[in-house]
N, C-alpha and C. Protein backbone atom coordinates (compact mmCIF):
# COMPACT_ATOMS: atom_id res chain seq x y z
N MET A 1 -39.92 80.65 56.27
CA MET A 1 -39.77 79.28 55.94
C MET A 1 -38.68 79.14 54.88
N THR A 2 -37.76 78.18 55.14
CA THR A 2 -36.66 77.99 54.19
C THR A 2 -36.87 76.69 53.43
N LEU A 3 -36.49 76.75 52.22
CA LEU A 3 -36.63 75.59 51.36
C LEU A 3 -35.25 75.03 51.10
N VAL A 4 -35.06 73.74 51.38
CA VAL A 4 -33.77 73.10 51.17
C VAL A 4 -33.83 72.32 49.87
N LEU A 5 -33.02 72.71 48.94
CA LEU A 5 -32.96 72.02 47.65
C LEU A 5 -31.81 71.01 47.66
N PRO A 6 -32.02 69.88 47.03
CA PRO A 6 -30.92 68.91 46.98
C PRO A 6 -29.78 69.47 46.14
N SER A 7 -28.59 69.07 46.52
CA SER A 7 -27.40 69.54 45.82
C SER A 7 -27.32 68.89 44.45
N LEU A 8 -26.91 69.64 43.47
CA LEU A 8 -26.78 69.12 42.13
C LEU A 8 -25.40 68.49 41.90
N ARG A 9 -24.50 68.74 42.84
CA ARG A 9 -23.16 68.16 42.71
C ARG A 9 -23.21 66.68 43.11
N PRO A 10 -22.46 65.85 42.38
CA PRO A 10 -22.42 64.43 42.77
C PRO A 10 -21.62 64.28 44.07
N PRO A 11 -21.90 63.23 44.82
CA PRO A 11 -21.14 63.04 46.06
C PRO A 11 -19.66 62.82 45.74
N PRO A 12 -18.79 63.19 46.66
CA PRO A 12 -17.35 63.01 46.39
C PRO A 12 -17.02 61.53 46.24
N PRO A 13 -16.11 61.22 45.34
CA PRO A 13 -15.75 59.80 45.16
C PRO A 13 -15.04 59.28 46.39
N PRO A 14 -15.15 57.98 46.67
CA PRO A 14 -14.46 57.43 47.83
C PRO A 14 -12.95 57.52 47.64
N ARG A 15 -12.25 57.60 48.74
CA ARG A 15 -10.79 57.68 48.66
C ARG A 15 -10.25 56.42 48.01
N PRO A 16 -9.26 56.56 47.12
CA PRO A 16 -8.79 55.39 46.38
C PRO A 16 -8.13 54.33 47.26
N GLY A 17 -7.50 54.71 48.35
CA GLY A 17 -6.79 53.74 49.19
C GLY A 17 -7.66 53.13 50.26
N LEU A 18 -8.89 53.59 50.41
CA LEU A 18 -9.74 53.11 51.49
C LEU A 18 -10.09 51.63 51.33
N ALA A 19 -10.47 51.24 50.14
CA ALA A 19 -10.84 49.83 49.91
C ALA A 19 -9.63 48.92 50.14
N ARG A 20 -8.47 49.38 49.70
CA ARG A 20 -7.25 48.59 49.88
C ARG A 20 -6.92 48.44 51.36
N ARG A 21 -7.07 49.54 52.12
CA ARG A 21 -6.80 49.48 53.56
C ARG A 21 -7.77 48.56 54.28
N LEU A 22 -9.04 48.66 53.90
CA LEU A 22 -10.04 47.80 54.54
C LEU A 22 -9.77 46.33 54.23
N ARG A 23 -9.39 46.05 53.01
CA ARG A 23 -9.07 44.67 52.63
C ARG A 23 -7.87 44.17 53.43
N ARG A 24 -6.85 45.01 53.54
CA ARG A 24 -5.65 44.62 54.29
C ARG A 24 -5.97 44.37 55.76
N LEU A 25 -6.78 45.24 56.35
CA LEU A 25 -7.17 45.05 57.75
C LEU A 25 -7.99 43.79 57.93
N ALA A 26 -8.88 43.51 56.98
CA ALA A 26 -9.70 42.30 57.07
C ALA A 26 -8.81 41.06 56.97
N LEU A 27 -7.85 41.07 56.06
CA LEU A 27 -6.95 39.92 55.93
C LEU A 27 -6.06 39.76 57.17
N MET A 28 -5.65 40.87 57.76
CA MET A 28 -4.88 40.78 59.01
C MET A 28 -5.72 40.16 60.11
N ALA A 29 -6.98 40.55 60.19
CA ALA A 29 -7.87 39.98 61.20
C ALA A 29 -8.04 38.47 60.97
N VAL A 30 -8.19 38.09 59.70
CA VAL A 30 -8.30 36.66 59.38
C VAL A 30 -7.02 35.94 59.79
N GLY A 31 -5.88 36.55 59.53
CA GLY A 31 -4.60 35.95 59.92
C GLY A 31 -4.49 35.74 61.42
N PHE A 32 -4.92 36.75 62.20
CA PHE A 32 -4.86 36.61 63.65
C PHE A 32 -5.83 35.54 64.14
N VAL A 33 -6.99 35.43 63.50
CA VAL A 33 -7.94 34.37 63.88
C VAL A 33 -7.35 33.00 63.57
N VAL A 34 -6.66 32.86 62.44
CA VAL A 34 -6.03 31.59 62.08
C VAL A 34 -4.92 31.25 63.08
N ILE A 35 -4.14 32.25 63.49
CA ILE A 35 -3.10 32.02 64.49
C ILE A 35 -3.72 31.56 65.80
N LEU A 36 -4.79 32.21 66.21
CA LEU A 36 -5.47 31.83 67.45
C LEU A 36 -6.02 30.41 67.34
N LEU A 37 -6.57 30.06 66.19
CA LEU A 37 -7.06 28.71 65.97
C LEU A 37 -5.92 27.70 66.08
N GLY A 38 -4.76 28.04 65.52
CA GLY A 38 -3.60 27.16 65.61
C GLY A 38 -3.13 26.97 67.04
N VAL A 39 -3.18 28.04 67.83
CA VAL A 39 -2.79 27.93 69.24
C VAL A 39 -3.77 27.03 69.98
N LEU A 40 -5.05 27.13 69.65
CA LEU A 40 -6.04 26.28 70.30
C LEU A 40 -5.90 24.82 69.89
N ILE A 41 -5.49 24.56 68.64
CA ILE A 41 -5.33 23.20 68.15
C ILE A 41 -4.01 22.59 68.62
N ALA A 42 -3.03 23.39 68.95
CA ALA A 42 -1.68 22.91 69.27
C ALA A 42 -1.64 21.84 70.36
N PRO A 43 -2.41 21.90 71.44
CA PRO A 43 -2.31 20.86 72.46
C PRO A 43 -2.81 19.49 72.02
N LEU A 44 -3.56 19.42 70.95
CA LEU A 44 -4.05 18.13 70.47
C LEU A 44 -2.89 17.29 69.94
N PRO A 45 -3.04 15.97 69.94
CA PRO A 45 -1.95 15.12 69.44
C PRO A 45 -1.67 15.39 67.96
N GLY A 46 -0.41 15.30 67.61
CA GLY A 46 0.00 15.53 66.23
C GLY A 46 0.46 16.97 66.02
N PRO A 47 1.00 17.25 64.85
CA PRO A 47 1.52 18.59 64.58
C PRO A 47 0.48 19.55 64.02
N GLY A 48 -0.80 19.34 64.30
CA GLY A 48 -1.87 20.11 63.68
C GLY A 48 -1.77 21.60 63.86
N GLY A 49 -1.31 22.06 65.01
CA GLY A 49 -1.29 23.50 65.27
C GLY A 49 -0.17 24.24 64.56
N VAL A 50 0.95 23.59 64.35
CA VAL A 50 2.12 24.27 63.78
C VAL A 50 1.85 24.77 62.35
N PRO A 51 1.34 23.94 61.43
CA PRO A 51 1.08 24.47 60.08
C PRO A 51 -0.01 25.55 60.08
N VAL A 52 -0.97 25.43 60.97
CA VAL A 52 -2.04 26.45 61.03
C VAL A 52 -1.46 27.77 61.50
N ILE A 53 -0.61 27.74 62.52
CA ILE A 53 0.04 28.96 63.00
C ILE A 53 0.91 29.56 61.90
N ALA A 54 1.65 28.72 61.18
CA ALA A 54 2.49 29.21 60.09
C ALA A 54 1.65 29.88 59.01
N LEU A 55 0.52 29.28 58.67
CA LEU A 55 -0.37 29.88 57.68
C LEU A 55 -0.88 31.24 58.16
N GLY A 56 -1.27 31.33 59.42
CA GLY A 56 -1.71 32.62 59.97
C GLY A 56 -0.62 33.67 59.93
N LEU A 57 0.62 33.26 60.25
CA LEU A 57 1.74 34.20 60.19
C LEU A 57 1.99 34.69 58.77
N VAL A 58 1.87 33.80 57.81
CA VAL A 58 2.07 34.20 56.41
C VAL A 58 1.00 35.21 55.99
N ILE A 59 -0.24 34.98 56.38
CA ILE A 59 -1.32 35.91 56.04
C ILE A 59 -1.07 37.28 56.67
N VAL A 60 -0.66 37.30 57.93
CA VAL A 60 -0.40 38.57 58.61
C VAL A 60 0.81 39.26 57.99
N LEU A 61 1.87 38.50 57.69
CA LEU A 61 3.07 39.11 57.12
C LEU A 61 2.83 39.71 55.74
N ARG A 62 1.93 39.13 54.99
CA ARG A 62 1.65 39.69 53.66
C ARG A 62 0.86 40.99 53.73
N ASN A 63 0.26 41.29 54.87
CA ASN A 63 -0.64 42.44 54.93
C ASN A 63 -0.29 43.48 55.98
N SER A 64 0.79 43.33 56.71
CA SER A 64 1.13 44.27 57.77
C SER A 64 2.56 44.77 57.62
N TRP A 65 2.72 46.08 57.55
CA TRP A 65 4.05 46.66 57.44
C TRP A 65 4.84 46.44 58.72
N TRP A 66 4.19 46.59 59.87
CA TRP A 66 4.87 46.39 61.14
C TRP A 66 5.38 44.95 61.26
N ALA A 67 4.55 43.99 60.89
CA ALA A 67 4.95 42.59 60.97
C ALA A 67 6.11 42.31 60.00
N LYS A 68 6.09 42.95 58.85
CA LYS A 68 7.20 42.76 57.90
C LYS A 68 8.51 43.28 58.47
N ARG A 69 8.46 44.43 59.15
CA ARG A 69 9.68 44.96 59.76
C ARG A 69 10.21 44.01 60.84
N GLN A 70 9.30 43.47 61.66
CA GLN A 70 9.71 42.52 62.69
C GLN A 70 10.26 41.24 62.06
N PHE A 71 9.67 40.84 60.96
CA PHE A 71 10.12 39.64 60.25
C PHE A 71 11.53 39.84 59.72
N ILE A 72 11.82 41.00 59.16
CA ILE A 72 13.16 41.29 58.64
C ILE A 72 14.16 41.31 59.78
N ARG A 73 13.76 41.86 60.91
CA ARG A 73 14.63 41.86 62.09
C ARG A 73 14.94 40.43 62.53
N ALA A 74 13.92 39.58 62.56
CA ALA A 74 14.12 38.18 62.94
C ALA A 74 14.96 37.45 61.89
N GLN A 75 14.78 37.81 60.64
CA GLN A 75 15.53 37.18 59.57
C GLN A 75 17.02 37.46 59.71
N ARG A 76 17.35 38.66 60.11
CA ARG A 76 18.76 38.99 60.32
C ARG A 76 19.34 38.27 61.52
N ALA A 77 18.51 38.06 62.53
CA ALA A 77 18.99 37.39 63.74
C ALA A 77 19.10 35.88 63.55
N ARG A 78 18.11 35.25 62.93
CA ARG A 78 18.07 33.80 62.77
C ARG A 78 17.63 33.42 61.35
N PRO A 79 18.52 33.52 60.36
CA PRO A 79 18.12 33.29 58.97
C PRO A 79 17.63 31.86 58.70
N LYS A 80 18.19 30.85 59.35
CA LYS A 80 17.77 29.47 59.07
C LYS A 80 16.35 29.21 59.55
N TRP A 81 15.93 29.88 60.59
CA TRP A 81 14.57 29.67 61.11
C TRP A 81 13.53 30.38 60.24
N VAL A 82 13.92 31.50 59.67
CA VAL A 82 12.97 32.35 58.96
C VAL A 82 12.84 31.96 57.49
N TYR A 83 13.86 31.31 56.93
CA TYR A 83 13.86 31.00 55.51
C TYR A 83 12.62 30.22 55.05
N PRO A 84 12.14 29.20 55.77
CA PRO A 84 10.93 28.50 55.31
C PRO A 84 9.72 29.42 55.18
N PHE A 85 9.58 30.38 56.08
CA PHE A 85 8.46 31.32 55.98
C PHE A 85 8.61 32.20 54.75
N ARG A 86 9.85 32.57 54.43
CA ARG A 86 10.07 33.38 53.22
C ARG A 86 9.64 32.60 51.98
N ARG A 87 9.95 31.31 51.95
CA ARG A 87 9.55 30.49 50.80
C ARG A 87 8.04 30.37 50.71
N LEU A 88 7.36 30.34 51.85
CA LEU A 88 5.91 30.24 51.84
C LEU A 88 5.22 31.55 51.46
N MET A 89 5.92 32.67 51.60
CA MET A 89 5.31 33.96 51.30
C MET A 89 5.47 34.38 49.85
N ARG A 90 6.15 33.59 49.05
CA ARG A 90 6.30 33.94 47.63
C ARG A 90 4.95 33.91 46.92
N LYS A 91 4.93 34.47 45.72
CA LYS A 91 3.68 34.50 44.96
C LYS A 91 3.18 33.09 44.65
N LYS A 92 4.08 32.19 44.31
CA LYS A 92 3.73 30.78 44.11
C LYS A 92 4.50 29.97 45.14
N PRO A 93 3.93 29.81 46.33
CA PRO A 93 4.67 29.15 47.41
C PRO A 93 4.93 27.68 47.13
N GLU A 94 6.07 27.22 47.61
CA GLU A 94 6.49 25.83 47.45
C GLU A 94 6.15 25.09 48.74
N ILE A 95 4.93 24.65 48.88
CA ILE A 95 4.48 24.08 50.14
C ILE A 95 5.12 22.72 50.40
N ALA A 96 5.08 21.82 49.42
CA ALA A 96 5.61 20.47 49.63
C ALA A 96 7.11 20.48 49.91
N PRO A 97 7.94 21.20 49.13
CA PRO A 97 9.38 21.21 49.46
C PRO A 97 9.69 21.82 50.82
N VAL A 98 8.95 22.84 51.22
CA VAL A 98 9.18 23.45 52.53
C VAL A 98 8.83 22.44 53.62
N PHE A 99 7.70 21.77 53.47
CA PHE A 99 7.31 20.76 54.46
C PHE A 99 8.34 19.65 54.54
N TRP A 100 8.83 19.20 53.39
CA TRP A 100 9.83 18.14 53.34
C TRP A 100 11.11 18.58 54.02
N GLN A 101 11.57 19.79 53.74
CA GLN A 101 12.80 20.31 54.33
C GLN A 101 12.68 20.40 55.85
N GLN A 102 11.53 20.87 56.32
CA GLN A 102 11.34 20.99 57.76
C GLN A 102 11.25 19.61 58.42
N THR A 103 10.69 18.62 57.72
CA THR A 103 10.64 17.27 58.26
C THR A 103 12.05 16.70 58.40
N LEU A 104 12.88 16.91 57.39
CA LEU A 104 14.26 16.43 57.47
C LEU A 104 15.02 17.15 58.58
N ARG A 105 14.80 18.43 58.72
CA ARG A 105 15.47 19.18 59.77
C ARG A 105 15.06 18.69 61.16
N ALA A 106 13.77 18.42 61.32
CA ALA A 106 13.28 17.92 62.62
C ALA A 106 13.84 16.52 62.88
N GLU A 107 13.89 15.68 61.85
CA GLU A 107 14.45 14.34 62.02
C GLU A 107 15.91 14.42 62.44
N LYS A 108 16.64 15.32 61.85
CA LYS A 108 18.05 15.47 62.16
C LYS A 108 18.24 15.94 63.61
N MET A 109 17.36 16.80 64.07
CA MET A 109 17.48 17.30 65.45
C MET A 109 17.08 16.23 66.46
N VAL A 110 16.07 15.44 66.14
CA VAL A 110 15.53 14.49 67.11
C VAL A 110 16.35 13.20 67.16
N LEU A 111 16.69 12.66 66.01
CA LEU A 111 17.35 11.37 65.96
C LEU A 111 18.87 11.52 65.94
N ARG A 112 19.53 10.54 66.51
CA ARG A 112 20.98 10.56 66.48
C ARG A 112 21.49 10.28 65.07
N ARG A 113 22.72 10.63 64.82
CA ARG A 113 23.28 10.46 63.49
C ARG A 113 23.43 8.98 63.12
N ARG A 114 23.80 8.15 64.04
CA ARG A 114 24.02 6.74 63.73
C ARG A 114 22.72 6.03 63.40
N ARG A 115 21.68 6.36 64.13
CA ARG A 115 20.40 5.69 63.95
C ARG A 115 19.42 6.63 63.27
N ARG A 116 19.19 6.41 62.04
CA ARG A 116 18.21 7.21 61.33
C ARG A 116 17.24 6.25 60.65
N PRO A 117 16.23 5.83 61.38
CA PRO A 117 15.33 4.81 60.83
C PRO A 117 14.50 5.31 59.64
N LEU A 118 14.37 6.59 59.49
CA LEU A 118 13.56 7.10 58.39
C LEU A 118 14.35 7.27 57.10
N ALA A 119 15.65 7.04 57.16
CA ALA A 119 16.48 7.26 55.96
C ALA A 119 16.07 6.32 54.84
N ARG A 120 15.87 5.04 55.15
CA ARG A 120 15.49 4.07 54.12
C ARG A 120 14.11 4.42 53.54
N PHE A 121 13.20 4.77 54.42
CA PHE A 121 11.86 5.17 53.97
C PHE A 121 11.92 6.41 53.08
N ARG A 122 12.78 7.34 53.47
CA ARG A 122 12.93 8.57 52.70
C ARG A 122 13.45 8.27 51.30
N ARG A 123 14.44 7.36 51.20
CA ARG A 123 14.98 7.00 49.89
C ARG A 123 13.91 6.36 49.01
N ARG A 124 13.13 5.45 49.60
CA ARG A 124 12.07 4.80 48.83
C ARG A 124 11.03 5.81 48.37
N LEU A 125 10.69 6.74 49.25
CA LEU A 125 9.71 7.77 48.89
C LEU A 125 10.24 8.66 47.78
N ARG A 126 11.51 9.01 47.84
CA ARG A 126 12.12 9.85 46.82
C ARG A 126 12.12 9.14 45.47
N ARG A 127 12.47 7.85 45.46
CA ARG A 127 12.46 7.08 44.20
C ARG A 127 11.05 6.99 43.62
N ALA A 128 10.08 6.75 44.50
CA ALA A 128 8.69 6.67 44.03
C ALA A 128 8.24 8.00 43.46
N TRP A 129 8.62 9.10 44.07
CA TRP A 129 8.24 10.44 43.60
C TRP A 129 8.86 10.70 42.22
N ARG A 130 10.14 10.35 42.07
CA ARG A 130 10.79 10.56 40.78
C ARG A 130 10.15 9.72 39.69
N ALA A 131 9.80 8.48 40.01
CA ALA A 131 9.15 7.61 39.04
C ALA A 131 7.76 8.16 38.69
N PHE A 132 7.08 8.72 39.66
CA PHE A 132 5.75 9.29 39.43
C PHE A 132 5.82 10.51 38.52
N ARG A 133 6.82 11.35 38.70
CA ARG A 133 6.96 12.57 37.90
C ARG A 133 7.31 12.28 36.45
N GLN A 134 7.97 11.18 36.18
CA GLN A 134 8.40 10.89 34.80
C GLN A 134 7.35 10.28 33.99
């Protein structure tokens, strides 16, 4: 008959990078779920799916090396398209200015140069914003 005694040695400590990897994988999974949610919302009226997809992409880009490499490749190919995402990925993202810039860009693409009905509204909104900040 053999007697098994418990080991007096403490269990080995967990690997230092394991928690970080698990957190990164969990955040990537959350990012992919958000992207999927944005794709499902996209057919509904309004621009609801686009900001949700952008948010999911930002979450995935912050946590995946492969996605970052693909992002850099896309940035070299089309810098004007990728720049808003770069601004959103900063430590303190500028959400309102990015949204405003993309709205102006979309207006410029959709409306002709002679007829810009939102220009007057934009000027009034800008004046109101400046008055509010002061």
